[in-house]
Amino acid sequence: MRIKTFFLILSLLFVGAACNQKISQTESVGEVSGIETTQIVMTASGFEPSDITIKKGTTVTFLNQDIKPRWPASASHPTHTDYPEFDPKQPVVAGASWSFTFDRVGKWKFHDHLNPARGGTITVVE
């Protein structure tokens, strides 16, 4: 139980710190117990950054900084079948985040399920 509490507090600290900065395509948020993490911000204009390259096993946190809900999910719309696990199965409300660990090497297109014209690509390498 202490480990879960520790990771919850650590996650909240990352989200709080991320609210005060933008992260470039190649900059990672940090490392938690050997796990690389990075962040994509969701806004009214789309995903920032929209295209990134990460290592297999990296956790990507999608932070909603819009006033409307956003829903990051794998291609193709509306079924999300290219990488079905990469789908929170519900919208991420304003101010909240959702994280996903990419454990498959490949080039994964994604979109906002609520606004499919907005999207990007996550390239996962070994």
N, C-alpha and C. Protein backbone atom coordinates (compact mmCIF):
# COMPACT_ATOMS: atom_id res chain seq x y z
N MET A 1 0.83 -1.19 0.00
CA MET A 1 0.00 0.00 0.00
C MET A 1 0.87 1.25 0.00
N ARG A 2 2.00 1.21 0.70
CA ARG A 2 2.88 2.38 0.74
C ARG A 2 3.46 2.70 -0.64
N ILE A 3 3.74 1.66 -1.42
CA ILE A 3 4.29 1.87 -2.76
C ILE A 3 3.25 2.56 -3.63
N LYS A 4 1.99 2.13 -3.56
CA LYS A 4 0.94 2.76 -4.36
C LYS A 4 0.79 4.24 -3.97
N THR A 5 0.83 4.51 -2.68
CA THR A 5 0.72 5.90 -2.20
C THR A 5 1.89 6.72 -2.70
N PHE A 6 3.09 6.14 -2.65
CA PHE A 6 4.29 6.84 -3.12
C PHE A 6 4.15 7.21 -4.60
N PHE A 7 3.72 6.24 -5.43
CA PHE A 7 3.58 6.51 -6.86
C PHE A 7 2.46 7.50 -7.15
N LEU A 8 1.39 7.46 -6.37
CA LEU A 8 0.31 8.42 -6.54
C LEU A 8 0.80 9.83 -6.25
N ILE A 9 1.53 10.01 -5.16
CA ILE A 9 2.07 11.32 -4.80
C ILE A 9 3.07 11.78 -5.86
N LEU A 10 3.93 10.88 -6.29
CA LEU A 10 4.92 11.22 -7.30
C LEU A 10 4.25 11.62 -8.61
N SER A 11 3.20 10.91 -9.00
CA SER A 11 2.46 11.25 -10.22
C SER A 11 1.83 12.63 -10.11
N LEU A 12 1.26 12.93 -8.97
CA LEU A 12 0.65 14.25 -8.77
C LEU A 12 1.70 15.36 -8.84
N LEU A 13 2.88 15.09 -8.31
CA LEU A 13 3.96 16.08 -8.41
C LEU A 13 4.35 16.32 -9.87
N PHE A 14 4.45 15.24 -10.66
CA PHE A 14 4.78 15.40 -12.07
C PHE A 14 3.72 16.21 -12.80
N VAL A 15 2.45 15.92 -12.54
CA VAL A 15 1.37 16.64 -13.20
C VAL A 15 1.40 18.11 -12.79
N GLY A 16 1.60 18.38 -11.50
CA GLY A 16 1.66 19.76 -11.03
C GLY A 16 2.81 20.52 -11.66
N ALA A 17 3.96 19.89 -11.76
CA ALA A 17 5.11 20.55 -12.36
C ALA A 17 4.89 20.76 -13.85
N ALA A 18 4.24 19.82 -14.49
CA ALA A 18 4.01 19.92 -15.93
C ALA A 18 3.05 21.04 -16.28
N CYS A 19 2.17 21.39 -15.38
CA CYS A 19 1.21 22.46 -15.64
C CYS A 19 1.91 23.80 -15.81
N ASN A 20 3.13 23.91 -15.32
CA ASN A 20 3.86 25.17 -15.36
C ASN A 20 4.90 25.24 -16.46
N GLN A 21 4.95 24.24 -17.33
CA GLN A 21 5.96 24.26 -18.38
C GLN A 21 5.49 23.51 -19.60
N LYS A 22 6.04 23.86 -20.76
CA LYS A 22 5.82 23.09 -21.97
C LYS A 22 7.05 22.23 -22.17
N ILE A 23 6.86 21.06 -22.73
CA ILE A 23 7.96 20.13 -22.91
C ILE A 23 8.17 19.93 -24.39
N SER A 24 9.41 20.03 -24.82
CA SER A 24 9.72 19.86 -26.24
C SER A 24 9.62 18.40 -26.63
N GLN A 25 9.68 18.15 -27.92
CA GLN A 25 9.52 16.81 -28.45
C GLN A 25 10.53 15.83 -27.88
N THR A 26 11.75 16.26 -27.64
CA THR A 26 12.79 15.34 -27.22
C THR A 26 13.05 15.37 -25.72
N GLU A 27 12.39 16.24 -25.00
CA GLU A 27 12.62 16.35 -23.57
C GLU A 27 11.68 15.43 -22.82
N SER A 28 12.22 14.65 -21.90
CA SER A 28 11.36 13.76 -21.13
C SER A 28 11.04 14.39 -19.79
N VAL A 29 9.93 13.96 -19.20
CA VAL A 29 9.52 14.48 -17.91
C VAL A 29 10.46 13.99 -16.84
N GLY A 30 10.92 12.76 -16.94
CA GLY A 30 11.82 12.23 -15.92
C GLY A 30 11.84 10.73 -15.94
N GLU A 31 12.31 10.20 -14.83
CA GLU A 31 12.42 8.76 -14.70
C GLU A 31 11.94 8.39 -13.31
N VAL A 32 11.06 7.41 -13.24
CA VAL A 32 10.53 6.94 -11.97
C VAL A 32 10.89 5.48 -11.84
N SER A 33 11.75 5.15 -10.87
CA SER A 33 12.16 3.76 -10.64
C SER A 33 12.62 3.07 -11.91
N GLY A 34 13.41 3.76 -12.73
CA GLY A 34 13.94 3.18 -13.95
C GLY A 34 12.99 3.22 -15.13
N ILE A 35 11.80 3.78 -14.96
CA ILE A 35 10.83 3.87 -16.05
C ILE A 35 10.88 5.28 -16.62
N GLU A 36 11.15 5.38 -17.92
CA GLU A 36 11.16 6.70 -18.55
C GLU A 36 9.74 7.20 -18.74
N THR A 37 9.58 8.51 -18.56
CA THR A 37 8.27 9.12 -18.74
C THR A 37 8.40 10.36 -19.60
N THR A 38 7.36 10.66 -20.33
CA THR A 38 7.29 11.88 -21.11
C THR A 38 5.84 12.34 -21.13
N GLN A 39 5.62 13.53 -21.64
CA GLN A 39 4.29 14.11 -21.58
C GLN A 39 3.87 14.71 -22.90
N ILE A 40 2.59 14.57 -23.21
CA ILE A 40 1.97 15.24 -24.34
C ILE A 40 0.82 16.05 -23.76
N VAL A 41 0.79 17.33 -24.08
CA VAL A 41 -0.26 18.22 -23.59
C VAL A 41 -1.37 18.28 -24.63
N MET A 42 -2.61 18.17 -24.17
CA MET A 42 -3.77 18.26 -25.04
C MET A 42 -4.40 19.64 -24.85
N THR A 43 -4.56 20.37 -25.96
CA THR A 43 -5.13 21.71 -25.93
C THR A 43 -6.22 21.81 -26.99
N ALA A 44 -6.85 22.96 -27.07
CA ALA A 44 -7.88 23.18 -28.08
C ALA A 44 -7.31 23.08 -29.49
N SER A 45 -6.02 23.37 -29.65
CA SER A 45 -5.40 23.32 -30.98
C SER A 45 -4.79 21.96 -31.31
N GLY A 46 -4.83 21.02 -30.38
CA GLY A 46 -4.31 19.69 -30.66
C GLY A 46 -3.36 19.18 -29.60
N PHE A 47 -2.45 18.31 -30.03
CA PHE A 47 -1.48 17.68 -29.14
C PHE A 47 -0.15 18.42 -29.26
N GLU A 48 0.52 18.64 -28.12
CA GLU A 48 1.82 19.32 -28.10
C GLU A 48 2.79 18.49 -27.27
N PRO A 49 3.81 17.89 -27.87
CA PRO A 49 4.04 17.78 -29.31
C PRO A 49 3.12 16.73 -29.92
N SER A 50 2.95 16.83 -31.22
CA SER A 50 2.08 15.87 -31.90
C SER A 50 2.85 14.66 -32.41
N ASP A 51 4.15 14.78 -32.57
CA ASP A 51 4.97 13.67 -33.04
C ASP A 51 6.19 13.53 -32.14
N ILE A 52 6.36 12.33 -31.57
CA ILE A 52 7.51 12.08 -30.71
C ILE A 52 8.10 10.71 -31.01
N THR A 53 9.35 10.54 -30.61
CA THR A 53 10.02 9.24 -30.66
C THR A 53 10.45 8.91 -29.24
N ILE A 54 10.09 7.71 -28.79
CA ILE A 54 10.39 7.28 -27.44
C ILE A 54 10.96 5.87 -27.46
N LYS A 55 11.54 5.46 -26.34
CA LYS A 55 12.02 4.09 -26.20
C LYS A 55 10.88 3.19 -25.73
N LYS A 56 10.96 1.92 -26.14
CA LYS A 56 10.01 0.92 -25.67
C LYS A 56 10.02 0.93 -24.15
N GLY A 57 8.83 0.87 -23.54
CA GLY A 57 8.72 0.88 -22.09
C GLY A 57 8.50 2.26 -21.49
N THR A 58 8.52 3.30 -22.34
CA THR A 58 8.31 4.66 -21.85
C THR A 58 6.82 4.88 -21.58
N THR A 59 6.55 5.57 -20.48
CA THR A 59 5.18 5.94 -20.14
C THR A 59 4.93 7.36 -20.62
N VAL A 60 3.89 7.53 -21.41
CA VAL A 60 3.50 8.84 -21.91
C VAL A 60 2.26 9.28 -21.14
N THR A 61 2.33 10.48 -20.55
CA THR A 61 1.19 11.05 -19.86
C THR A 61 0.56 12.10 -20.75
N PHE A 62 -0.73 11.95 -20.99
CA PHE A 62 -1.49 12.90 -21.78
C PHE A 62 -2.20 13.83 -20.80
N LEU A 63 -1.79 15.09 -20.76
CA LEU A 63 -2.32 16.07 -19.82
C LEU A 63 -3.29 16.99 -20.54
N ASN A 64 -4.53 17.04 -20.07
CA ASN A 64 -5.55 17.88 -20.70
C ASN A 64 -5.50 19.29 -20.13
N GLN A 65 -4.96 20.23 -20.92
CA GLN A 65 -4.92 21.63 -20.52
C GLN A 65 -5.97 22.45 -21.26
N ASP A 66 -6.96 21.78 -21.81
CA ASP A 66 -8.07 22.44 -22.47
C ASP A 66 -9.22 22.57 -21.47
N ILE A 67 -10.23 23.35 -21.81
CA ILE A 67 -11.41 23.46 -20.96
C ILE A 67 -12.44 22.39 -21.30
N LYS A 68 -12.22 21.70 -22.43
CA LYS A 68 -13.11 20.63 -22.87
C LYS A 68 -12.43 19.28 -22.65
N PRO A 69 -13.22 18.22 -22.54
CA PRO A 69 -12.63 16.88 -22.44
C PRO A 69 -11.87 16.53 -23.73
N ARG A 70 -10.85 15.72 -23.61
CA ARG A 70 -10.06 15.21 -24.73
C ARG A 70 -9.93 13.71 -24.54
N TRP A 71 -9.68 12.99 -25.64
CA TRP A 71 -9.66 11.52 -25.58
C TRP A 71 -8.57 10.99 -26.52
N PRO A 72 -7.34 10.83 -26.04
CA PRO A 72 -6.28 10.30 -26.89
C PRO A 72 -6.48 8.81 -27.14
N ALA A 73 -6.34 8.40 -28.39
CA ALA A 73 -6.53 6.98 -28.71
C ALA A 73 -5.80 6.64 -30.00
N SER A 74 -5.47 5.36 -30.14
CA SER A 74 -4.75 4.92 -31.34
C SER A 74 -5.64 5.00 -32.57
N ALA A 75 -4.99 5.01 -33.73
CA ALA A 75 -5.72 4.96 -34.99
C ALA A 75 -6.35 3.57 -35.10
N SER A 76 -7.25 3.29 -35.85
CA SER A 76 -7.94 4.26 -36.67
C SER A 76 -9.25 4.66 -35.99
N HIS A 77 -9.73 5.82 -36.35
CA HIS A 77 -10.98 6.32 -35.76
C HIS A 77 -12.16 5.66 -36.45
N PRO A 78 -13.17 5.23 -35.79
CA PRO A 78 -13.44 5.34 -34.36
C PRO A 78 -13.14 4.07 -33.56
N THR A 79 -12.50 3.08 -34.19
CA THR A 79 -12.37 1.76 -33.55
C THR A 79 -11.10 1.58 -32.72
N HIS A 80 -10.04 2.36 -33.01
CA HIS A 80 -8.78 2.31 -32.24
C HIS A 80 -8.13 0.93 -32.28
N THR A 81 -8.19 0.29 -33.43
CA THR A 81 -7.72 -1.09 -33.56
C THR A 81 -6.23 -1.26 -33.81
N ASP A 82 -5.51 -0.19 -34.20
CA ASP A 82 -4.08 -0.33 -34.47
C ASP A 82 -3.30 -0.72 -33.22
N TYR A 83 -3.68 -0.16 -32.08
CA TYR A 83 -3.05 -0.46 -30.78
C TYR A 83 -4.18 -0.34 -29.75
N PRO A 84 -5.07 -1.33 -29.67
CA PRO A 84 -6.30 -1.22 -28.88
C PRO A 84 -6.10 -0.86 -27.41
N GLU A 85 -4.99 -1.26 -26.83
CA GLU A 85 -4.74 -0.93 -25.42
C GLU A 85 -4.49 0.57 -25.22
N PHE A 86 -4.04 1.25 -26.28
CA PHE A 86 -3.76 2.68 -26.24
C PHE A 86 -5.09 3.43 -26.44
N ASP A 87 -5.90 3.41 -25.40
CA ASP A 87 -7.23 4.03 -25.42
C ASP A 87 -7.75 4.05 -23.98
N PRO A 88 -7.97 5.23 -23.41
CA PRO A 88 -8.48 5.28 -22.03
C PRO A 88 -9.94 4.83 -21.90
N LYS A 89 -10.61 4.61 -23.03
CA LYS A 89 -12.00 4.14 -23.08
C LYS A 89 -13.01 5.18 -22.56
N GLN A 90 -12.53 6.39 -22.27
CA GLN A 90 -13.40 7.47 -21.83
C GLN A 90 -12.64 8.79 -21.96
N PRO A 91 -13.36 9.90 -22.01
CA PRO A 91 -12.68 11.20 -22.13
C PRO A 91 -11.84 11.53 -20.89
N VAL A 92 -10.80 12.29 -21.12
CA VAL A 92 -9.97 12.84 -20.05
C VAL A 92 -10.49 14.26 -19.81
N VAL A 93 -11.04 14.51 -18.64
CA VAL A 93 -11.66 15.81 -18.36
C VAL A 93 -10.60 16.90 -18.23
N ALA A 94 -11.03 18.14 -18.35
CA ALA A 94 -10.13 19.29 -18.24
C ALA A 94 -9.34 19.23 -16.93
N GLY A 95 -8.03 19.43 -17.05
CA GLY A 95 -7.15 19.44 -15.89
C GLY A 95 -6.66 18.07 -15.45
N ALA A 96 -7.21 17.01 -16.02
CA ALA A 96 -6.82 15.65 -15.64
C ALA A 96 -5.81 15.10 -16.65
N SER A 97 -5.30 13.91 -16.35
CA SER A 97 -4.35 13.26 -17.26
C SER A 97 -4.63 11.77 -17.31
N TRP A 98 -4.05 11.15 -18.32
CA TRP A 98 -4.10 9.70 -18.50
C TRP A 98 -2.74 9.25 -19.00
N SER A 99 -2.23 8.16 -18.46
CA SER A 99 -0.90 7.67 -18.83
C SER A 99 -0.99 6.29 -19.46
N PHE A 100 -0.07 6.06 -20.40
CA PHE A 100 0.01 4.78 -21.09
C PHE A 100 1.46 4.42 -21.31
N THR A 101 1.82 3.16 -21.04
CA THR A 101 3.18 2.68 -21.26
C THR A 101 3.23 1.92 -22.58
N PHE A 102 4.09 2.39 -23.48
CA PHE A 102 4.22 1.80 -24.81
C PHE A 102 5.20 0.64 -24.75
N ASP A 103 4.67 -0.59 -24.94
CA ASP A 103 5.50 -1.78 -24.87
C ASP A 103 5.64 -2.49 -26.21
N ARG A 104 5.22 -1.81 -27.28
CA ARG A 104 5.36 -2.37 -28.63
C ARG A 104 6.17 -1.40 -29.49
N VAL A 105 7.18 -1.93 -30.16
CA VAL A 105 7.96 -1.13 -31.10
C VAL A 105 7.11 -0.90 -32.34
N GLY A 106 7.16 0.30 -32.87
CA GLY A 106 6.41 0.62 -34.08
C GLY A 106 6.10 2.09 -34.17
N LYS A 107 5.42 2.44 -35.22
CA LYS A 107 4.99 3.82 -35.46
C LYS A 107 3.49 3.84 -35.27
N TRP A 108 3.04 4.52 -34.21
CA TRP A 108 1.64 4.47 -33.81
C TRP A 108 0.98 5.82 -34.01
N LYS A 109 0.06 5.87 -34.94
CA LYS A 109 -0.72 7.09 -35.15
C LYS A 109 -1.79 7.15 -34.07
N PHE A 110 -2.12 8.38 -33.66
CA PHE A 110 -3.17 8.56 -32.67
C PHE A 110 -3.97 9.82 -32.99
N HIS A 111 -5.09 9.97 -32.32
CA HIS A 111 -5.98 11.10 -32.57
C HIS A 111 -6.78 11.39 -31.30
N ASP A 112 -7.50 12.50 -31.32
CA ASP A 112 -8.45 12.82 -30.27
C ASP A 112 -9.79 12.23 -30.73
N HIS A 113 -10.27 11.25 -30.02
CA HIS A 113 -11.51 10.58 -30.40
C HIS A 113 -12.69 11.56 -30.48
N LEU A 114 -12.63 12.65 -29.72
CA LEU A 114 -13.70 13.64 -29.73
C LEU A 114 -13.51 14.69 -30.82
N ASN A 115 -12.32 14.73 -31.41
CA ASN A 115 -12.01 15.66 -32.50
C ASN A 115 -10.96 14.97 -33.38
N PRO A 116 -11.36 13.99 -34.19
CA PRO A 116 -10.42 13.14 -34.91
C PRO A 116 -9.51 13.85 -35.91
N ALA A 117 -9.80 15.10 -36.23
CA ALA A 117 -8.91 15.86 -37.11
C ALA A 117 -7.59 16.18 -36.41
N ARG A 118 -7.57 16.12 -35.09
CA ARG A 118 -6.35 16.39 -34.31
C ARG A 118 -5.68 15.07 -33.99
N GLY A 119 -4.38 14.98 -34.28
CA GLY A 119 -3.69 13.74 -34.00
C GLY A 119 -2.20 13.88 -34.10
N GLY A 120 -1.53 12.74 -34.14
CA GLY A 120 -0.07 12.74 -34.23
C GLY A 120 0.45 11.33 -34.36
N THR A 121 1.75 11.17 -34.11
CA THR A 121 2.42 9.88 -34.24
C THR A 121 3.40 9.69 -33.09
N ILE A 122 3.36 8.52 -32.50
CA ILE A 122 4.35 8.14 -31.49
C ILE A 122 5.16 7.00 -32.08
N THR A 123 6.44 7.24 -32.26
CA THR A 123 7.34 6.21 -32.78
C THR A 123 8.06 5.59 -31.59
N VAL A 124 7.94 4.27 -31.45
CA VAL A 124 8.54 3.54 -30.34
C VAL A 124 9.70 2.72 -30.88
N VAL A 125 10.89 2.94 -30.31
CA VAL A 125 12.10 2.23 -30.73
C VAL A 125 12.64 1.40 -29.56
N GLU A 126 13.50 0.43 -29.89
CA GLU A 126 14.13 -0.42 -28.85
C GLU A 126 15.03 0.40 -27.98
